[in-house]
Amino acid sequence: MRSGEDAADSASEDGRREGAVDASRARVLDETAMRLALDQAQNALLVGEVPVGAVVVRDTPAGRQVVATGYNRPITDHDPTAHAELVALRHAAHLLGNYRLPECELIVTLEPCAMCAMALLHARVKRVVYGARDPKTGAAGSVIDVFGEPRLNHHTRVQGGVLAAASAELLQRFFATRRDMARMRRAAARPADAGVAPDANVAIPTGEATELPPKA
């Protein structure tokens, strides 16, 4: 009886070890893909877009394959839908010849918004991994949880917080730079004598008046 218990304990321990190895391998793969997504975010930064990058990957017998990449391009392309996730999804769907991507995973540096979340669900993407949370528009639990809506007919697995600090730091630097530039523009537009009290004897100019026609 004791030998049976020992065998069961040994099998259980082996199972735990295998689970830990699998989890460690998955974490390494996710972080590797996230670094590629961060490279894409840098591309967005270089063209003046909000620095968000995305990568579509899939597992093959030869290992994990990068299918497509994308970065934010709404300003560049004059397209409000050109978020990093959608750029990568469109590219992947075109390359694979299918609008359904059930064997694919998407890794993105920022929590998807509602638009991107629904597109990922429509594409049947099996898993989404994101870096930093988005407390203003995040649709993976920060503001709403589109992925967790039980009434939808497809459910994509979601994992957040992968290389979150690096993703958030890139965004924080971008917005800090934008605020600094806005302050400089306001300062440059301010008249040289701003802040000086106006001379009471100087008439304040008025705009041109338009005479209204008399009421009938």
N, C-alpha and C. Protein backbone atom coordinates (compact mmCIF):
# COMPACT_ATOMS: atom_id res chain seq x y z
N MET A 1 0.83 -1.21 0.00
CA MET A 1 0.00 0.00 0.00
C MET A 1 0.86 1.25 0.00
N ARG A 2 1.94 1.15 0.76
CA ARG A 2 2.81 2.32 0.86
C ARG A 2 3.48 2.64 -0.47
N SER A 3 3.86 1.54 -1.18
CA SER A 3 4.52 1.75 -2.47
C SER A 3 3.59 2.44 -3.46
N GLY A 4 2.30 2.12 -3.40
CA GLY A 4 1.32 2.78 -4.26
C GLY A 4 1.22 4.26 -3.95
N GLU A 5 1.22 4.60 -2.68
CA GLU A 5 1.17 6.01 -2.29
C GLU A 5 2.42 6.74 -2.76
N ASP A 6 3.59 6.06 -2.62
CA ASP A 6 4.83 6.68 -3.07
C ASP A 6 4.80 6.94 -4.57
N ALA A 7 4.27 5.98 -5.31
CA ALA A 7 4.19 6.14 -6.76
C ALA A 7 3.27 7.30 -7.13
N ALA A 8 2.15 7.39 -6.41
CA ALA A 8 1.20 8.49 -6.68
C ALA A 8 1.83 9.83 -6.35
N ASP A 9 2.57 9.90 -5.23
CA ASP A 9 3.23 11.15 -4.86
C ASP A 9 4.28 11.53 -5.89
N SER A 10 5.01 10.51 -6.36
CA SER A 10 6.05 10.77 -7.36
C SER A 10 5.45 11.29 -8.66
N ALA A 11 4.33 10.67 -9.05
CA ALA A 11 3.66 11.11 -10.29
C ALA A 11 3.14 12.53 -10.14
N SER A 12 2.60 12.81 -8.96
CA SER A 12 2.09 14.16 -8.71
C SER A 12 3.21 15.19 -8.75
N GLU A 13 4.35 14.83 -8.16
CA GLU A 13 5.50 15.75 -8.16
C GLU A 13 6.02 15.96 -9.58
N ASP A 14 6.06 14.86 -10.36
CA ASP A 14 6.49 14.99 -11.75
C ASP A 14 5.54 15.90 -12.52
N GLY A 15 4.25 15.76 -12.25
CA GLY A 15 3.27 16.61 -12.92
C GLY A 15 3.45 18.07 -12.57
N ARG A 16 3.74 18.34 -11.30
CA ARG A 16 3.98 19.73 -10.88
C ARG A 16 5.21 20.30 -11.56
N ARG A 17 6.27 19.47 -11.67
CA ARG A 17 7.50 19.94 -12.32
C ARG A 17 7.24 20.25 -13.79
N GLU A 18 6.52 19.35 -14.45
CA GLU A 18 6.22 19.58 -15.87
C GLU A 18 5.37 20.83 -16.04
N GLY A 19 4.42 21.04 -15.13
CA GLY A 19 3.59 22.24 -15.20
C GLY A 19 4.41 23.50 -15.00
N ALA A 20 5.36 23.45 -14.08
CA ALA A 20 6.22 24.61 -13.84
C ALA A 20 7.11 24.90 -15.04
N VAL A 21 7.63 23.82 -15.67
CA VAL A 21 8.47 23.98 -16.86
C VAL A 21 7.65 24.59 -17.99
N ASP A 22 6.43 24.08 -18.19
CA ASP A 22 5.56 24.61 -19.25
C ASP A 22 5.24 26.08 -19.00
N ALA A 23 4.95 26.44 -17.75
CA ALA A 23 4.63 27.83 -17.42
C ALA A 23 5.83 28.72 -17.65
N SER A 24 7.01 28.24 -17.29
CA SER A 24 8.23 29.02 -17.49
C SER A 24 8.51 29.22 -18.98
N ARG A 25 8.31 28.16 -19.76
CA ARG A 25 8.52 28.26 -21.21
C ARG A 25 7.53 29.23 -21.83
N ALA A 26 6.27 29.16 -21.40
CA ALA A 26 5.25 30.06 -21.93
C ALA A 26 5.59 31.52 -21.60
N ARG A 27 6.08 31.75 -20.38
CA ARG A 27 6.45 33.10 -19.99
C ARG A 27 7.59 33.65 -20.85
N VAL A 28 8.58 32.79 -21.11
CA VAL A 28 9.71 33.20 -21.95
C VAL A 28 9.23 33.54 -23.36
N LEU A 29 8.35 32.70 -23.91
CA LEU A 29 7.83 32.95 -25.25
C LEU A 29 7.03 34.25 -25.29
N ASP A 30 6.20 34.48 -24.28
CA ASP A 30 5.40 35.71 -24.22
C ASP A 30 6.30 36.94 -24.13
N GLU A 31 7.33 36.87 -23.30
CA GLU A 31 8.22 38.02 -23.14
C GLU A 31 9.02 38.28 -24.41
N THR A 32 9.41 37.21 -25.10
CA THR A 32 10.13 37.37 -26.38
C THR A 32 9.24 38.08 -27.40
N ALA A 33 7.98 37.63 -27.49
CA ALA A 33 7.05 38.27 -28.43
C ALA A 33 6.75 39.70 -28.02
N MET A 34 6.66 39.96 -26.70
CA MET A 34 6.39 41.32 -26.23
C MET A 34 7.54 42.26 -26.58
N ARG A 35 8.76 41.76 -26.56
CA ARG A 35 9.89 42.61 -26.95
C ARG A 35 9.80 43.00 -28.42
N LEU A 36 9.30 42.08 -29.24
CA LEU A 36 9.05 42.42 -30.65
C LEU A 36 7.96 43.48 -30.76
N ALA A 37 6.92 43.35 -29.94
CA ALA A 37 5.85 44.35 -29.93
C ALA A 37 6.38 45.70 -29.47
N LEU A 38 7.28 45.71 -28.51
CA LEU A 38 7.88 46.97 -28.05
C LEU A 38 8.73 47.61 -29.15
N ASP A 39 9.39 46.78 -29.97
CA ASP A 39 10.12 47.33 -31.13
C ASP A 39 9.14 48.02 -32.09
N GLN A 40 7.97 47.40 -32.28
CA GLN A 40 6.95 48.02 -33.13
C GLN A 40 6.45 49.33 -32.52
N ALA A 41 6.31 49.36 -31.21
CA ALA A 41 5.89 50.59 -30.53
C ALA A 41 6.91 51.70 -30.76
N GLN A 42 8.18 51.34 -30.80
CA GLN A 42 9.22 52.33 -31.09
C GLN A 42 9.05 52.90 -32.50
N ASN A 43 8.62 52.04 -33.45
CA ASN A 43 8.35 52.53 -34.80
C ASN A 43 7.24 53.58 -34.79
N ALA A 44 6.20 53.32 -33.99
CA ALA A 44 5.11 54.29 -33.87
C ALA A 44 5.64 55.60 -33.30
N LEU A 45 6.50 55.50 -32.31
CA LEU A 45 7.07 56.69 -31.69
C LEU A 45 7.85 57.52 -32.70
N LEU A 46 8.58 56.86 -33.57
CA LEU A 46 9.42 57.56 -34.55
C LEU A 46 8.60 58.37 -35.54
N VAL A 47 7.36 57.94 -35.81
CA VAL A 47 6.52 58.68 -36.76
C VAL A 47 5.50 59.56 -36.06
N GLY A 48 5.66 59.73 -34.73
CA GLY A 48 4.80 60.64 -34.00
C GLY A 48 3.47 60.08 -33.56
N GLU A 49 3.33 58.76 -33.59
CA GLU A 49 2.10 58.12 -33.15
C GLU A 49 2.23 57.69 -31.69
N VAL A 50 1.09 57.47 -31.02
CA VAL A 50 1.13 56.91 -29.67
C VAL A 50 1.83 55.56 -29.74
N PRO A 51 2.89 55.34 -28.94
CA PRO A 51 3.72 54.15 -29.10
C PRO A 51 3.09 52.86 -28.57
N VAL A 52 2.33 52.23 -29.45
CA VAL A 52 1.74 50.92 -29.16
C VAL A 52 2.10 50.00 -30.32
N GLY A 53 2.57 48.81 -29.99
CA GLY A 53 2.94 47.84 -31.01
C GLY A 53 2.29 46.50 -30.75
N ALA A 54 2.13 45.71 -31.81
CA ALA A 54 1.47 44.41 -31.69
C ALA A 54 2.15 43.39 -32.59
N VAL A 55 2.05 42.13 -32.20
CA VAL A 55 2.61 41.02 -32.96
C VAL A 55 1.61 39.87 -32.95
N VAL A 56 1.40 39.25 -34.10
CA VAL A 56 0.58 38.04 -34.21
C VAL A 56 1.51 36.85 -34.36
N VAL A 57 1.34 35.85 -33.52
CA VAL A 57 2.19 34.65 -33.57
C VAL A 57 1.32 33.40 -33.60
N ARG A 58 1.93 32.28 -33.99
CA ARG A 58 1.25 30.99 -33.90
C ARG A 58 2.30 29.91 -33.68
N ASP A 59 1.88 28.84 -33.05
CA ASP A 59 2.77 27.71 -32.80
C ASP A 59 2.72 26.76 -33.97
N THR A 60 3.88 26.32 -34.43
CA THR A 60 4.00 25.37 -35.53
C THR A 60 4.89 24.21 -35.07
N PRO A 61 4.92 23.11 -35.82
CA PRO A 61 5.82 22.00 -35.44
C PRO A 61 7.28 22.43 -35.34
N ALA A 62 7.64 23.49 -36.06
CA ALA A 62 9.02 23.97 -36.03
C ALA A 62 9.25 25.00 -34.93
N GLY A 63 8.20 25.32 -34.17
CA GLY A 63 8.33 26.32 -33.11
C GLY A 63 7.39 27.50 -33.34
N ARG A 64 7.52 28.49 -32.49
CA ARG A 64 6.64 29.66 -32.60
C ARG A 64 7.04 30.51 -33.81
N GLN A 65 6.03 30.92 -34.56
CA GLN A 65 6.25 31.70 -35.78
C GLN A 65 5.60 33.07 -35.65
N VAL A 66 6.34 34.10 -36.03
CA VAL A 66 5.77 35.45 -36.10
C VAL A 66 5.05 35.58 -37.43
N VAL A 67 3.75 35.80 -37.38
CA VAL A 67 2.95 35.88 -38.60
C VAL A 67 2.91 37.29 -39.14
N ALA A 68 2.69 38.26 -38.25
CA ALA A 68 2.56 39.65 -38.69
C ALA A 68 2.83 40.59 -37.53
N THR A 69 3.15 41.82 -37.87
CA THR A 69 3.40 42.85 -36.87
C THR A 69 2.62 44.11 -37.24
N GLY A 70 2.48 45.01 -36.28
CA GLY A 70 1.79 46.27 -36.56
C GLY A 70 2.07 47.28 -35.46
N TYR A 71 1.90 48.54 -35.79
CA TYR A 71 2.00 49.60 -34.79
C TYR A 71 0.97 50.67 -35.09
N ASN A 72 0.71 51.51 -34.12
CA ASN A 72 -0.31 52.54 -34.27
C ASN A 72 -0.05 53.41 -35.49
N ARG A 73 -1.11 53.60 -36.32
CA ARG A 73 -0.97 54.40 -37.53
C ARG A 73 -2.19 55.28 -37.84
N PRO A 74 -3.05 55.62 -36.88
CA PRO A 74 -4.25 56.38 -37.24
C PRO A 74 -3.94 57.76 -37.82
N ILE A 75 -2.93 58.44 -37.29
CA ILE A 75 -2.57 59.76 -37.81
C ILE A 75 -1.90 59.62 -39.17
N THR A 76 -0.96 58.69 -39.26
CA THR A 76 -0.21 58.47 -40.50
C THR A 76 -1.12 58.08 -41.65
N ASP A 77 -2.08 57.19 -41.38
CA ASP A 77 -2.95 56.67 -42.44
C ASP A 77 -4.29 57.40 -42.54
N HIS A 78 -4.50 58.42 -41.67
CA HIS A 78 -5.80 59.11 -41.64
C HIS A 78 -6.92 58.09 -41.46
N ASP A 79 -6.71 57.17 -40.50
CA ASP A 79 -7.63 56.06 -40.31
C ASP A 79 -7.85 55.84 -38.82
N PRO A 80 -9.03 56.18 -38.31
CA PRO A 80 -9.28 56.03 -36.87
C PRO A 80 -9.25 54.58 -36.40
N THR A 81 -9.32 53.61 -37.32
CA THR A 81 -9.29 52.21 -36.92
C THR A 81 -7.89 51.60 -36.97
N ALA A 82 -6.90 52.37 -37.33
CA ALA A 82 -5.55 51.82 -37.53
C ALA A 82 -4.77 51.70 -36.22
N HIS A 83 -5.37 51.04 -35.24
CA HIS A 83 -4.65 50.73 -34.02
C HIS A 83 -3.68 49.58 -34.29
N ALA A 84 -2.68 49.44 -33.45
CA ALA A 84 -1.65 48.42 -33.67
C ALA A 84 -2.24 47.03 -33.85
N GLU A 85 -3.23 46.69 -33.00
CA GLU A 85 -3.83 45.36 -33.07
C GLU A 85 -4.50 45.12 -34.43
N LEU A 86 -5.22 46.12 -34.91
CA LEU A 86 -5.94 45.92 -36.17
C LEU A 86 -5.00 45.90 -37.36
N VAL A 87 -3.94 46.70 -37.31
CA VAL A 87 -2.94 46.66 -38.38
C VAL A 87 -2.32 45.26 -38.46
N ALA A 88 -1.96 44.71 -37.30
CA ALA A 88 -1.37 43.37 -37.27
C ALA A 88 -2.39 42.30 -37.70
N LEU A 89 -3.64 42.43 -37.24
CA LEU A 89 -4.68 41.46 -37.62
C LEU A 89 -4.92 41.45 -39.12
N ARG A 90 -5.03 42.63 -39.72
CA ARG A 90 -5.27 42.71 -41.17
C ARG A 90 -4.13 42.05 -41.94
N HIS A 91 -2.92 42.34 -41.51
CA HIS A 91 -1.75 41.78 -42.17
C HIS A 91 -1.75 40.26 -42.04
N ALA A 92 -2.02 39.75 -40.84
CA ALA A 92 -2.03 38.31 -40.62
C ALA A 92 -3.13 37.62 -41.43
N ALA A 93 -4.32 38.19 -41.43
CA ALA A 93 -5.43 37.61 -42.18
C ALA A 93 -5.11 37.54 -43.67
N HIS A 94 -4.48 38.61 -44.18
CA HIS A 94 -4.12 38.63 -45.61
C HIS A 94 -3.07 37.57 -45.91
N LEU A 95 -2.06 37.46 -45.07
CA LEU A 95 -0.98 36.50 -45.31
C LEU A 95 -1.46 35.06 -45.20
N LEU A 96 -2.37 34.79 -44.25
CA LEU A 96 -2.86 33.44 -44.05
C LEU A 96 -4.07 33.11 -44.92
N GLY A 97 -4.61 34.11 -45.58
CA GLY A 97 -5.74 33.89 -46.47
C GLY A 97 -7.01 33.51 -45.77
N ASN A 98 -7.22 34.07 -44.57
CA ASN A 98 -8.41 33.72 -43.81
C ASN A 98 -8.73 34.84 -42.83
N TYR A 99 -10.00 35.20 -42.74
CA TYR A 99 -10.36 36.24 -41.77
C TYR A 99 -10.54 35.67 -40.36
N ARG A 100 -10.50 34.37 -40.23
CA ARG A 100 -10.50 33.71 -38.93
C ARG A 100 -9.07 33.29 -38.60
N LEU A 101 -8.66 33.56 -37.37
CA LEU A 101 -7.28 33.25 -36.95
C LEU A 101 -7.29 32.44 -35.65
N PRO A 102 -7.95 31.29 -35.64
CA PRO A 102 -8.11 30.54 -34.38
C PRO A 102 -6.82 29.94 -33.85
N GLU A 103 -5.81 29.80 -34.70
CA GLU A 103 -4.55 29.22 -34.24
C GLU A 103 -3.55 30.29 -33.79
N CYS A 104 -3.97 31.54 -33.84
CA CYS A 104 -3.05 32.65 -33.58
C CYS A 104 -3.25 33.27 -32.20
N GLU A 105 -2.18 33.89 -31.73
CA GLU A 105 -2.21 34.70 -30.52
C GLU A 105 -1.73 36.10 -30.88
N LEU A 106 -2.24 37.09 -30.17
CA LEU A 106 -1.81 38.47 -30.40
C LEU A 106 -1.18 39.02 -29.13
N ILE A 107 -0.01 39.59 -29.28
CA ILE A 107 0.71 40.21 -28.17
C ILE A 107 0.77 41.70 -28.45
N VAL A 108 0.35 42.52 -27.50
CA VAL A 108 0.28 43.97 -27.70
C VAL A 108 0.76 44.67 -26.44
N THR A 109 1.39 45.82 -26.62
CA THR A 109 2.02 46.51 -25.48
C THR A 109 1.03 47.20 -24.56
N LEU A 110 -0.19 47.47 -25.04
CA LEU A 110 -1.20 48.16 -24.24
C LEU A 110 -2.51 47.39 -24.28
N GLU A 111 -3.20 47.36 -23.18
CA GLU A 111 -4.50 46.70 -23.10
C GLU A 111 -5.41 47.16 -24.25
N PRO A 112 -6.01 46.24 -24.99
CA PRO A 112 -6.85 46.63 -26.13
C PRO A 112 -8.07 47.45 -25.72
N CYS A 113 -8.48 48.34 -26.63
CA CYS A 113 -9.71 49.10 -26.44
C CYS A 113 -10.89 48.23 -26.89
N ALA A 114 -12.11 48.75 -26.76
CA ALA A 114 -13.30 47.98 -27.10
C ALA A 114 -13.33 47.63 -28.59
N MET A 115 -12.91 48.56 -29.45
CA MET A 115 -12.90 48.30 -30.89
C MET A 115 -11.98 47.14 -31.22
N CYS A 116 -10.77 47.17 -30.67
CA CYS A 116 -9.80 46.12 -30.96
C CYS A 116 -10.21 44.80 -30.31
N ALA A 117 -10.78 44.86 -29.12
CA ALA A 117 -11.22 43.64 -28.44
C ALA A 117 -12.28 42.91 -29.28
N MET A 118 -13.24 43.64 -29.82
CA MET A 118 -14.27 43.01 -30.63
C MET A 118 -13.69 42.45 -31.92
N ALA A 119 -12.73 43.15 -32.51
CA ALA A 119 -12.09 42.63 -33.72
C ALA A 119 -11.35 41.33 -33.43
N LEU A 120 -10.69 41.27 -32.30
CA LEU A 120 -9.97 40.05 -31.91
C LEU A 120 -10.94 38.90 -31.68
N LEU A 121 -12.10 39.19 -31.10
CA LEU A 121 -13.11 38.15 -30.91
C LEU A 121 -13.68 37.69 -32.24
N HIS A 122 -13.96 38.64 -33.14
CA HIS A 122 -14.48 38.27 -34.46
C HIS A 122 -13.48 37.42 -35.24
N ALA A 123 -12.19 37.69 -35.05
CA ALA A 123 -11.15 36.92 -35.74
C ALA A 123 -10.92 35.56 -35.09
N ARG A 124 -11.56 35.32 -33.95
CA ARG A 124 -11.42 34.05 -33.22
C ARG A 124 -9.99 33.82 -32.74
N VAL A 125 -9.27 34.91 -32.48
CA VAL A 125 -7.91 34.77 -31.93
C VAL A 125 -8.00 34.01 -30.62
N LYS A 126 -7.14 33.02 -30.42
CA LYS A 126 -7.30 32.15 -29.25
C LYS A 126 -6.76 32.75 -27.97
N ARG A 127 -5.82 33.71 -28.07
CA ARG A 127 -5.23 34.26 -26.85
C ARG A 127 -4.69 35.65 -27.12
N VAL A 128 -4.86 36.54 -26.14
CA VAL A 128 -4.34 37.89 -26.21
C VAL A 128 -3.45 38.12 -24.98
N VAL A 129 -2.26 38.65 -25.22
CA VAL A 129 -1.33 38.99 -24.15
C VAL A 129 -1.04 40.48 -24.28
N TYR A 130 -1.22 41.23 -23.19
CA TYR A 130 -0.92 42.65 -23.26
C TYR A 130 0.05 43.06 -22.15
N GLY A 131 0.68 44.21 -22.35
CA GLY A 131 1.65 44.71 -21.39
C GLY A 131 1.01 45.59 -20.33
N ALA A 132 0.92 46.90 -20.62
CA ALA A 132 0.41 47.86 -19.63
C ALA A 132 -1.11 47.91 -19.66
N ARG A 133 -1.71 48.14 -18.49
CA ARG A 133 -3.14 48.37 -18.39
C ARG A 133 -3.46 49.76 -18.92
N ASP A 134 -4.70 49.92 -19.44
CA ASP A 134 -5.16 51.22 -19.90
C ASP A 134 -6.37 51.61 -19.06
N PRO A 135 -6.16 52.47 -18.04
CA PRO A 135 -7.27 52.82 -17.13
C PRO A 135 -8.33 53.71 -17.74
N LYS A 136 -8.10 54.20 -18.97
CA LYS A 136 -9.08 55.09 -19.60
C LYS A 136 -9.94 54.40 -20.64
N THR A 137 -9.34 53.49 -21.42
CA THR A 137 -10.12 52.84 -22.49
C THR A 137 -9.94 51.32 -22.52
N GLY A 138 -9.28 50.75 -21.54
CA GLY A 138 -9.01 49.32 -21.55
C GLY A 138 -10.27 48.47 -21.52
N ALA A 139 -10.35 47.51 -22.47
CA ALA A 139 -11.54 46.67 -22.58
C ALA A 139 -11.26 45.23 -22.19
N ALA A 140 -10.19 45.02 -21.40
CA ALA A 140 -9.89 43.68 -20.90
C ALA A 140 -9.99 43.65 -19.39
N GLY A 141 -10.81 44.56 -18.85
CA GLY A 141 -11.04 44.58 -17.42
C GLY A 141 -10.80 45.90 -16.74
N SER A 142 -10.05 46.81 -17.37
CA SER A 142 -9.75 48.09 -16.71
C SER A 142 -10.96 49.01 -16.68
N VAL A 143 -11.66 49.14 -17.80
CA VAL A 143 -12.87 49.96 -17.87
C VAL A 143 -14.09 49.05 -18.06
N ILE A 144 -14.01 48.20 -19.07
CA ILE A 144 -15.01 47.15 -19.30
C ILE A 144 -14.25 45.87 -19.62
N ASP A 145 -14.96 44.75 -19.61
CA ASP A 145 -14.31 43.47 -19.94
C ASP A 145 -15.07 42.81 -21.08
N VAL A 146 -14.72 43.20 -22.29
CA VAL A 146 -15.36 42.62 -23.48
C VAL A 146 -15.06 41.13 -23.57
N PHE A 147 -13.83 40.77 -23.26
CA PHE A 147 -13.43 39.36 -23.39
C PHE A 147 -14.16 38.46 -22.40
N GLY A 148 -14.59 39.03 -21.30
CA GLY A 148 -15.25 38.24 -20.27
C GLY A 148 -16.76 38.23 -20.38
N GLU A 149 -17.31 38.84 -21.42
CA GLU A 149 -18.77 38.89 -21.57
C GLU A 149 -19.30 37.49 -21.90
N PRO A 150 -20.07 36.89 -21.00
CA PRO A 150 -20.50 35.50 -21.20
C PRO A 150 -21.50 35.31 -22.34
N ARG A 151 -22.16 36.39 -22.76
CA ARG A 151 -23.17 36.25 -23.81
C ARG A 151 -22.58 36.19 -25.21
N LEU A 152 -21.30 36.50 -25.35
CA LEU A 152 -20.65 36.41 -26.66
C LEU A 152 -20.33 34.95 -26.96
N ASN A 153 -20.33 34.62 -28.26
CA ASN A 153 -20.21 33.20 -28.62
C ASN A 153 -18.77 32.74 -28.79
N HIS A 154 -17.79 33.62 -28.58
CA HIS A 154 -16.39 33.19 -28.60
C HIS A 154 -15.68 33.83 -27.42
N HIS A 155 -14.82 33.09 -26.80
CA HIS A 155 -14.08 33.61 -25.66
C HIS A 155 -12.59 33.42 -25.86
N THR A 156 -11.91 34.54 -25.93
CA THR A 156 -10.45 34.56 -26.11
C THR A 156 -9.79 34.64 -24.73
N ARG A 157 -8.80 33.81 -24.52
CA ARG A 157 -8.06 33.87 -23.26
C ARG A 157 -7.20 35.14 -23.23
N VAL A 158 -7.09 35.74 -22.08
CA VAL A 158 -6.38 37.02 -21.95
C VAL A 158 -5.40 36.94 -20.79
N GLN A 159 -4.21 37.48 -21.02
CA GLN A 159 -3.23 37.61 -19.95
C GLN A 159 -2.60 38.99 -20.04
N GLY A 160 -2.57 39.70 -18.94
CA GLY A 160 -1.98 41.04 -18.92
C GLY A 160 -0.76 41.11 -18.03
N GLY A 161 -0.07 42.23 -18.13
CA GLY A 161 1.06 42.48 -17.25
C GLY A 161 2.40 41.95 -17.72
N VAL A 162 2.51 41.48 -18.97
CA VAL A 162 3.78 40.98 -19.48
C VAL A 162 4.65 42.16 -19.91
N LEU A 163 5.80 42.32 -19.26
CA LEU A 163 6.70 43.47 -19.49
C LEU A 163 5.91 44.78 -19.40
N ALA A 164 5.03 44.84 -18.41
CA ALA A 164 4.16 46.00 -18.24
C ALA A 164 4.94 47.28 -17.98
N ALA A 165 6.00 47.20 -17.19
CA ALA A 165 6.77 48.40 -16.83
C ALA A 165 7.41 49.03 -18.06
N ALA A 166 7.97 48.20 -18.94
CA ALA A 166 8.61 48.73 -20.16
C ALA A 166 7.57 49.36 -21.08
N SER A 167 6.41 48.73 -21.19
CA SER A 167 5.34 49.27 -22.04
C SER A 167 4.83 50.60 -21.49
N ALA A 168 4.61 50.66 -20.19
CA ALA A 168 4.09 51.88 -19.57
C ALA A 168 5.10 53.01 -19.64
N GLU A 169 6.38 52.68 -19.45
CA GLU A 169 7.41 53.71 -19.46
C GLU A 169 7.51 54.39 -20.82
N LEU A 170 7.37 53.62 -21.88
CA LEU A 170 7.41 54.16 -23.23
C LEU A 170 6.26 55.14 -23.46
N LEU A 171 5.07 54.77 -23.00
CA LEU A 171 3.90 55.63 -23.14
C LEU A 171 4.04 56.90 -22.28
N GLN A 172 4.54 56.74 -21.07
CA GLN A 172 4.69 57.89 -20.17
C GLN A 172 5.67 58.91 -20.75
N ARG A 173 6.78 58.42 -21.32
CA ARG A 173 7.75 59.33 -21.93
C ARG A 173 7.14 60.08 -23.11
N PHE A 174 6.35 59.36 -23.90
CA PHE A 174 5.73 59.98 -25.07
C PHE A 174 4.79 61.11 -24.66
N PHE A 175 3.92 60.85 -23.68
CA PHE A 175 2.95 61.86 -23.28
C PHE A 175 3.61 63.01 -22.51
N ALA A 176 4.68 62.71 -21.78
CA ALA A 176 5.41 63.79 -21.10
C ALA A 176 6.05 64.72 -22.12
N THR A 177 6.59 64.15 -23.19
CA THR A 177 7.18 64.96 -24.26
C THR A 177 6.12 65.81 -24.94
N ARG A 178 4.95 65.22 -25.18
CA ARG A 178 3.87 65.99 -25.81
C ARG A 178 3.42 67.14 -24.94
N ARG A 179 3.34 66.91 -23.62
CA ARG A 179 2.95 68.00 -22.71
C ARG A 179 3.99 69.12 -22.72
N ASP A 180 5.26 68.74 -22.74
CA ASP A 180 6.33 69.75 -22.78
C ASP A 180 6.25 70.57 -24.06
N MET A 181 6.01 69.92 -25.18
CA MET A 181 5.92 70.62 -26.46
C MET A 181 4.72 71.56 -26.48
N ALA A 182 3.60 71.12 -25.90
CA ALA A 182 2.41 71.97 -25.85
C ALA A 182 2.67 73.22 -25.01
N ARG A 183 3.39 73.04 -23.90
CA ARG A 183 3.72 74.19 -23.05
C ARG A 183 4.62 75.18 -23.81
N MET A 184 5.57 74.66 -24.56
CA MET A 184 6.47 75.52 -25.33
C MET A 184 5.72 76.28 -26.42
N ARG A 185 4.76 75.60 -27.06
CA ARG A 185 3.97 76.29 -28.10
C ARG A 185 3.14 77.40 -27.49
N ARG A 186 2.55 77.14 -26.33
CA ARG A 186 1.75 78.18 -25.68
C ARG A 186 2.62 79.36 -25.27
N ALA A 187 3.81 79.07 -24.78
CA ALA A 187 4.72 80.14 -24.37
C ALA A 187 5.16 80.97 -25.57
N ALA A 188 5.42 80.31 -26.70
CA ALA A 188 5.85 81.03 -27.91
C ALA A 188 4.73 81.89 -28.48
N ALA A 189 3.48 81.44 -28.29
CA ALA A 189 2.35 82.20 -28.82
C ALA A 189 1.95 83.35 -27.93
N ARG A 190 2.45 83.39 -26.69
CA ARG A 190 2.08 84.43 -25.75
C ARG A 190 2.75 85.74 -26.13
N PRO A 191 2.03 86.87 -26.16
CA PRO A 191 2.64 88.16 -26.49
C PRO A 191 3.77 88.50 -25.54
N ALA A 192 4.74 89.27 -26.05
CA ALA A 192 5.91 89.62 -25.25
C ALA A 192 5.53 90.41 -24.00
N ASP A 193 4.45 91.22 -24.10
CA ASP A 193 4.05 92.04 -22.96
C ASP A 193 2.94 91.38 -22.14
N ALA A 194 2.78 90.04 -22.32
CA ALA A 194 1.73 89.35 -21.56
C ALA A 194 1.99 89.50 -20.08
N GLY A 195 0.96 89.71 -19.34
CA GLY A 195 1.08 89.86 -17.91
C GLY A 195 1.18 91.31 -17.46
N VAL A 196 1.43 92.27 -18.43
CA VAL A 196 1.50 93.69 -18.11
C VAL A 196 0.09 94.26 -18.09
N ALA A 197 -0.24 95.01 -17.07
CA ALA A 197 -1.58 95.58 -16.95
C ALA A 197 -1.84 96.55 -18.10
N PRO A 198 -2.99 96.50 -18.74
CA PRO A 198 -3.28 97.40 -19.86
C PRO A 198 -3.42 98.85 -19.41
N ASP A 199 -3.03 99.76 -20.30
CA ASP A 199 -3.14 101.20 -20.04
C ASP A 199 -4.62 101.56 -20.08
N ALA A 200 -5.09 102.21 -19.02
CA ALA A 200 -6.51 102.56 -18.93
C ALA A 200 -6.91 103.55 -20.00
N ASN A 201 -5.95 104.33 -20.57
CA ASN A 201 -6.27 105.34 -21.58
C ASN A 201 -6.32 104.78 -22.99
N VAL A 202 -5.89 103.53 -23.13
CA VAL A 202 -5.89 102.92 -24.46
C VAL A 202 -7.23 102.23 -24.68
N ALA A 203 -7.86 102.61 -25.76
CA ALA A 203 -9.17 102.03 -26.06
C ALA A 203 -9.02 100.54 -26.39
N ILE A 204 -9.94 99.77 -25.88
CA ILE A 204 -9.93 98.34 -26.20
C ILE A 204 -10.58 98.17 -27.56
N PRO A 205 -9.89 97.58 -28.52
CA PRO A 205 -10.45 97.44 -29.86
C PRO A 205 -11.67 96.52 -29.84
N THR A 206 -12.58 96.83 -30.69
CA THR A 206 -13.78 95.99 -30.81
C THR A 206 -13.84 95.39 -32.20
N GLY A 207 -14.58 94.33 -32.31
CA GLY A 207 -14.72 93.70 -33.61
C GLY A 207 -15.71 94.45 -34.46
N GLU A 208 -15.74 94.09 -35.75
CA GLU A 208 -16.68 94.74 -36.64
C GLU A 208 -18.10 94.34 -36.26
N ALA A 209 -19.00 95.31 -36.24
CA ALA A 209 -20.39 95.05 -35.89
C ALA A 209 -21.19 94.83 -37.17
N THR A 210 -22.12 93.93 -37.11
CA THR A 210 -23.01 93.68 -38.23
C THR A 210 -24.37 94.22 -37.87
N GLU A 211 -24.88 95.11 -38.70
CA GLU A 211 -26.18 95.71 -38.39
C GLU A 211 -27.27 94.72 -38.74
N LEU A 212 -28.10 94.42 -37.76
CA LEU A 212 -29.20 93.50 -37.99
C LEU A 212 -30.35 94.23 -38.65
N PRO A 213 -31.05 93.57 -39.54
CA PRO A 213 -32.20 94.22 -40.19
C PRO A 213 -33.30 94.45 -39.16
N PRO A 214 -34.03 95.55 -39.29
CA PRO A 214 -35.12 95.82 -38.34
C PRO A 214 -36.18 94.73 -38.40
N LYS A 215 -36.80 94.51 -37.27
CA LYS A 215 -37.87 93.51 -37.23
C LYS A 215 -39.06 93.99 -38.04
N ALA A 216 -39.67 93.07 -38.71
CA ALA A 216 -40.85 93.42 -39.54
C ALA A 216 -42.02 93.76 -38.63
